[in-house]
Amino acid sequence: MDEAARAEWWAGLPAGIRDEIDGCVLQDSLLRAVRVVVEVGLVAHDIGVGTAQLIVNDRYLHYGDRVARTPESPLDLESLTYRASGCVGRIAAIEAMWDGDTVHDWFVRLLAVTVDPAGEQGLATVYRSTATRYLGGNEDHRPRDVVAVAAERVGSALAARLSVPFHFASPDTPDDEAPRWRP
């Protein structure tokens, strides 16, 4: 569905549904907004998750700075160490994993991988804006993505502090299906 078709679909929605979706967007509730679009658009218009994300992204662009953005994850070593100390189970590794969506593009999730019990705990999400803030924005990291550079720096430092391995299976290329760390 192209931009004009999305705008036409949006204009055809009842005001109450538009208000509900915009309310989610203004509260930076991306997944809730996408879910509402899918729920109201799936039956009559065959709108799937991909198109719903584009529609919601259009609304984010419409509102711009008026969206009450969710605070960015802290990337300082002390904050990440504190978060890691709250993990259930023994931390066996720190892992960086690519993820992405139509609003944020590619980003990296930093995880503490635990054993006894086995699991993982999210420690931080490194978006482009978070990475730029963390790195100071003055360095050119090409050809590597600034998100990967920041995630690798902070993830490696945290792993060293915790005396565990750091794993980033695809630091040079965004790949959300890269192999996971195995104990």
Protein backbone atom coordinates (compact mmCIF):
# COMPACT_ATOMS: atom_id res chain seq x y z
CA MET A 1 0.00 0.00 0.00
CA ASP A 2 1.62 3.28 -1.09
CA GLU A 3 1.51 6.52 0.88
CA ALA A 4 -1.51 7.92 -0.98
CA ALA A 5 -3.50 4.71 -0.41
CA ARG A 6 -2.57 4.74 3.28
CA ALA A 7 -3.73 8.36 3.58
CA GLU A 8 -7.02 7.49 1.87
CA TRP A 9 -7.52 4.49 4.16
CA TRP A 10 -6.76 6.68 7.19
CA ALA A 11 -9.24 9.37 6.09
CA GLY A 12 -11.95 6.71 5.74
CA LEU A 13 -11.66 5.55 9.35
CA PRO A 14 -14.23 6.68 11.91
CA ALA A 15 -12.97 9.54 14.08
CA GLY A 16 -13.04 7.38 17.21
CA ILE A 17 -10.69 4.79 15.70
CA ARG A 18 -8.35 7.53 14.41
CA ASP A 19 -8.34 9.06 17.91
CA GLU A 20 -7.54 5.68 19.47
CA ILE A 21 -4.61 5.06 17.13
CA ASP A 22 -3.33 8.63 17.48
CA GLY A 23 -3.60 8.32 21.28
CA CYS A 24 -1.34 5.27 21.15
CA VAL A 25 1.10 7.10 18.89
CA LEU A 26 1.19 10.20 21.09
CA GLN A 27 2.00 7.95 24.06
CA ASP A 28 4.73 6.22 21.98
CA SER A 29 2.86 2.91 22.20
CA LEU A 30 3.96 1.61 18.82
CA LEU A 31 2.84 -2.00 19.24
CA ARG A 32 -0.58 -1.03 20.61
CA ALA A 33 -1.12 1.33 17.67
CA VAL A 34 -0.07 -1.35 15.17
CA ARG A 35 -2.37 -3.88 16.85
CA VAL A 36 -5.36 -1.52 16.56
CA VAL A 37 -4.63 -0.85 12.87
CA VAL A 38 -4.38 -4.59 12.19
CA GLU A 39 -7.58 -5.31 14.13
CA VAL A 40 -9.64 -2.69 12.27
CA GLY A 41 -8.00 -3.15 8.88
CA LEU A 42 -7.51 -6.88 8.52
CA VAL A 43 -11.03 -7.98 7.65
CA ALA A 44 -12.23 -5.30 5.27
CA HIS A 45 -8.93 -4.12 3.83
CA ASP A 46 -6.50 -7.06 4.27
CA ILE A 47 -4.03 -4.89 6.21
CA GLY A 48 -1.26 -6.98 7.71
CA VAL A 49 1.43 -6.08 10.20
CA GLY A 50 3.82 -4.61 7.60
CA THR A 51 1.25 -2.18 6.22
CA ALA A 52 0.03 -1.40 9.74
CA GLN A 53 3.57 -0.42 10.73
CA LEU A 54 3.74 1.93 7.73
CA ILE A 55 0.40 3.50 8.65
CA VAL A 56 1.50 4.00 12.25
CA ASN A 57 4.84 5.39 11.06
CA ASP A 58 2.89 7.93 8.99
CA ARG A 59 1.17 9.02 12.20
CA TYR A 60 4.50 9.27 14.06
CA LEU A 61 5.81 11.49 11.24
CA HIS A 62 2.61 13.56 11.37
CA TYR A 63 3.03 14.26 15.10
CA GLY A 64 6.83 14.52 15.16
CA ASP A 65 8.07 16.11 18.38
CA ARG A 66 4.60 15.98 19.96
CA VAL A 67 5.02 12.24 20.59
CA ALA A 68 5.91 11.60 24.26
CA ARG A 69 8.87 9.40 23.38
CA THR A 70 9.82 6.52 25.60
CA PRO A 71 13.09 7.40 27.32
CA GLU A 72 16.19 5.90 25.70
CA SER A 73 18.07 3.14 27.47
CA PRO A 74 21.09 4.29 29.44
CA LEU A 75 24.36 3.00 28.01
CA ASP A 76 26.69 3.99 30.83
CA LEU A 77 28.54 1.08 32.37
CA GLU A 78 27.27 1.72 35.89
CA SER A 79 23.60 1.64 34.85
CA LEU A 80 24.05 -1.51 32.79
CA THR A 81 25.95 -3.21 35.61
CA TYR A 82 23.15 -2.30 38.00
CA ARG A 83 20.55 -3.73 35.62
CA ALA A 84 22.61 -6.89 35.17
CA SER A 85 22.81 -7.34 38.95
CA GLY A 86 19.02 -7.78 38.97
CA CYS A 87 19.03 -10.74 36.59
CA VAL A 88 17.56 -14.01 37.77
CA GLY A 89 20.19 -16.69 37.34
CA ARG A 90 23.92 -16.54 36.76
CA ILE A 91 24.95 -14.37 33.81
CA ALA A 92 26.84 -16.53 31.33
CA ALA A 93 27.30 -13.95 28.54
CA ILE A 94 26.36 -10.52 27.27
CA GLU A 95 24.85 -10.70 23.80
CA ALA A 96 24.09 -8.07 21.17
CA MET A 97 21.29 -8.89 18.74
CA TRP A 98 19.99 -6.96 15.74
CA ASP A 99 16.29 -6.13 15.56
CA GLY A 100 14.33 -3.61 13.58
CA ASP A 101 11.02 -2.05 12.68
CA THR A 102 9.68 0.59 10.34
CA VAL A 103 9.78 3.31 13.00
CA HIS A 104 13.32 2.81 14.33
CA ASP A 105 14.98 1.06 11.37
CA TRP A 106 17.72 -1.33 12.60
CA PHE A 107 18.68 -1.31 16.27
CA VAL A 108 20.56 -3.60 18.65
CA ARG A 109 19.27 -5.19 21.83
CA LEU A 110 21.80 -5.89 24.58
CA LEU A 111 20.92 -8.97 26.60
CA ALA A 112 22.25 -10.76 29.63
CA VAL A 113 22.12 -14.48 28.85
CA THR A 114 21.61 -16.46 32.04
CA VAL A 115 21.93 -20.05 33.20
CA ASP A 116 20.47 -21.65 36.33
CA PRO A 117 17.76 -20.86 35.21
CA ALA A 118 18.35 -20.49 31.48
CA GLY A 119 16.97 -17.27 30.03
CA GLU A 120 17.76 -13.77 28.93
CA GLN A 121 17.15 -10.32 30.30
CA GLY A 122 17.03 -7.17 28.21
CA LEU A 123 19.53 -4.61 29.45
CA ALA A 124 19.32 -1.90 26.80
CA THR A 125 18.03 -1.10 23.34
CA VAL A 126 20.52 0.78 21.20
CA TYR A 127 18.68 2.92 18.65
CA ARG A 128 20.52 5.22 16.23
CA SER A 129 19.78 8.24 18.45
CA THR A 130 21.01 6.37 21.55
CA ALA A 131 24.20 5.30 19.76
CA THR A 132 24.91 8.80 18.48
CA ARG A 133 24.40 10.26 21.97
CA TYR A 134 26.62 7.58 23.54
CA LEU A 135 29.43 8.01 20.99
CA GLY A 136 29.23 11.79 20.96
CA GLY A 137 28.15 12.08 17.33
CA ASN A 138 31.48 13.44 16.12
CA GLU A 139 33.12 10.26 14.85
CA ASP A 140 32.65 8.67 11.46
CA HIS A 141 32.24 4.91 11.91
CA ARG A 142 31.65 3.98 8.28
CA PRO A 143 31.41 1.43 6.89
CA ARG A 144 30.10 0.10 10.23
CA ASP A 145 26.71 1.17 11.52
CA VAL A 146 26.93 3.57 14.47
CA VAL A 147 24.40 1.37 16.30
CA ALA A 148 26.71 -1.66 16.03
CA VAL A 149 29.76 0.35 17.13
CA ALA A 150 28.01 1.64 20.25
CA ALA A 151 26.51 -1.76 21.12
CA GLU A 152 29.86 -3.46 20.70
CA ARG A 153 31.71 -0.91 22.83
CA VAL A 154 29.29 -0.92 25.72
CA GLY A 155 28.54 -4.66 25.47
CA SER A 156 32.24 -5.57 25.49
CA ALA A 157 32.91 -3.27 28.44
CA LEU A 158 30.01 -4.73 30.40
CA ALA A 159 31.07 -8.31 29.61
CA ALA A 160 34.61 -7.51 30.75
CA ARG A 161 33.31 -5.99 33.98
CA LEU A 162 31.21 -9.10 34.62
CA SER A 163 34.01 -11.47 33.50
CA VAL A 164 31.80 -13.18 30.92
CA PRO A 165 32.04 -13.48 27.12
CA PHE A 166 30.54 -10.91 24.77
CA HIS A 167 28.76 -12.23 21.67
CA PHE A 168 27.71 -10.19 18.63
CA ALA A 169 27.25 -12.59 15.73
CA SER A 170 26.87 -9.94 13.04
CA PRO A 171 28.51 -6.66 14.06
CA ASP A 172 29.15 -5.50 10.48
CA THR A 173 25.78 -6.27 8.89
CA PRO A 174 22.27 -6.03 10.38
CA ASP A 175 20.98 -9.60 10.63
CA ASP A 176 18.13 -10.47 12.98
CA GLU A 177 18.63 -14.18 12.25
CA ALA A 178 22.33 -14.33 13.16
CA PRO A 179 23.34 -17.29 15.35
CA ARG A 180 22.70 -16.87 19.07
CA TRP A 181 25.26 -17.42 21.82
CA ARG A 182 25.46 -20.96 23.11
CA PRO A 183 26.93 -21.90 26.49
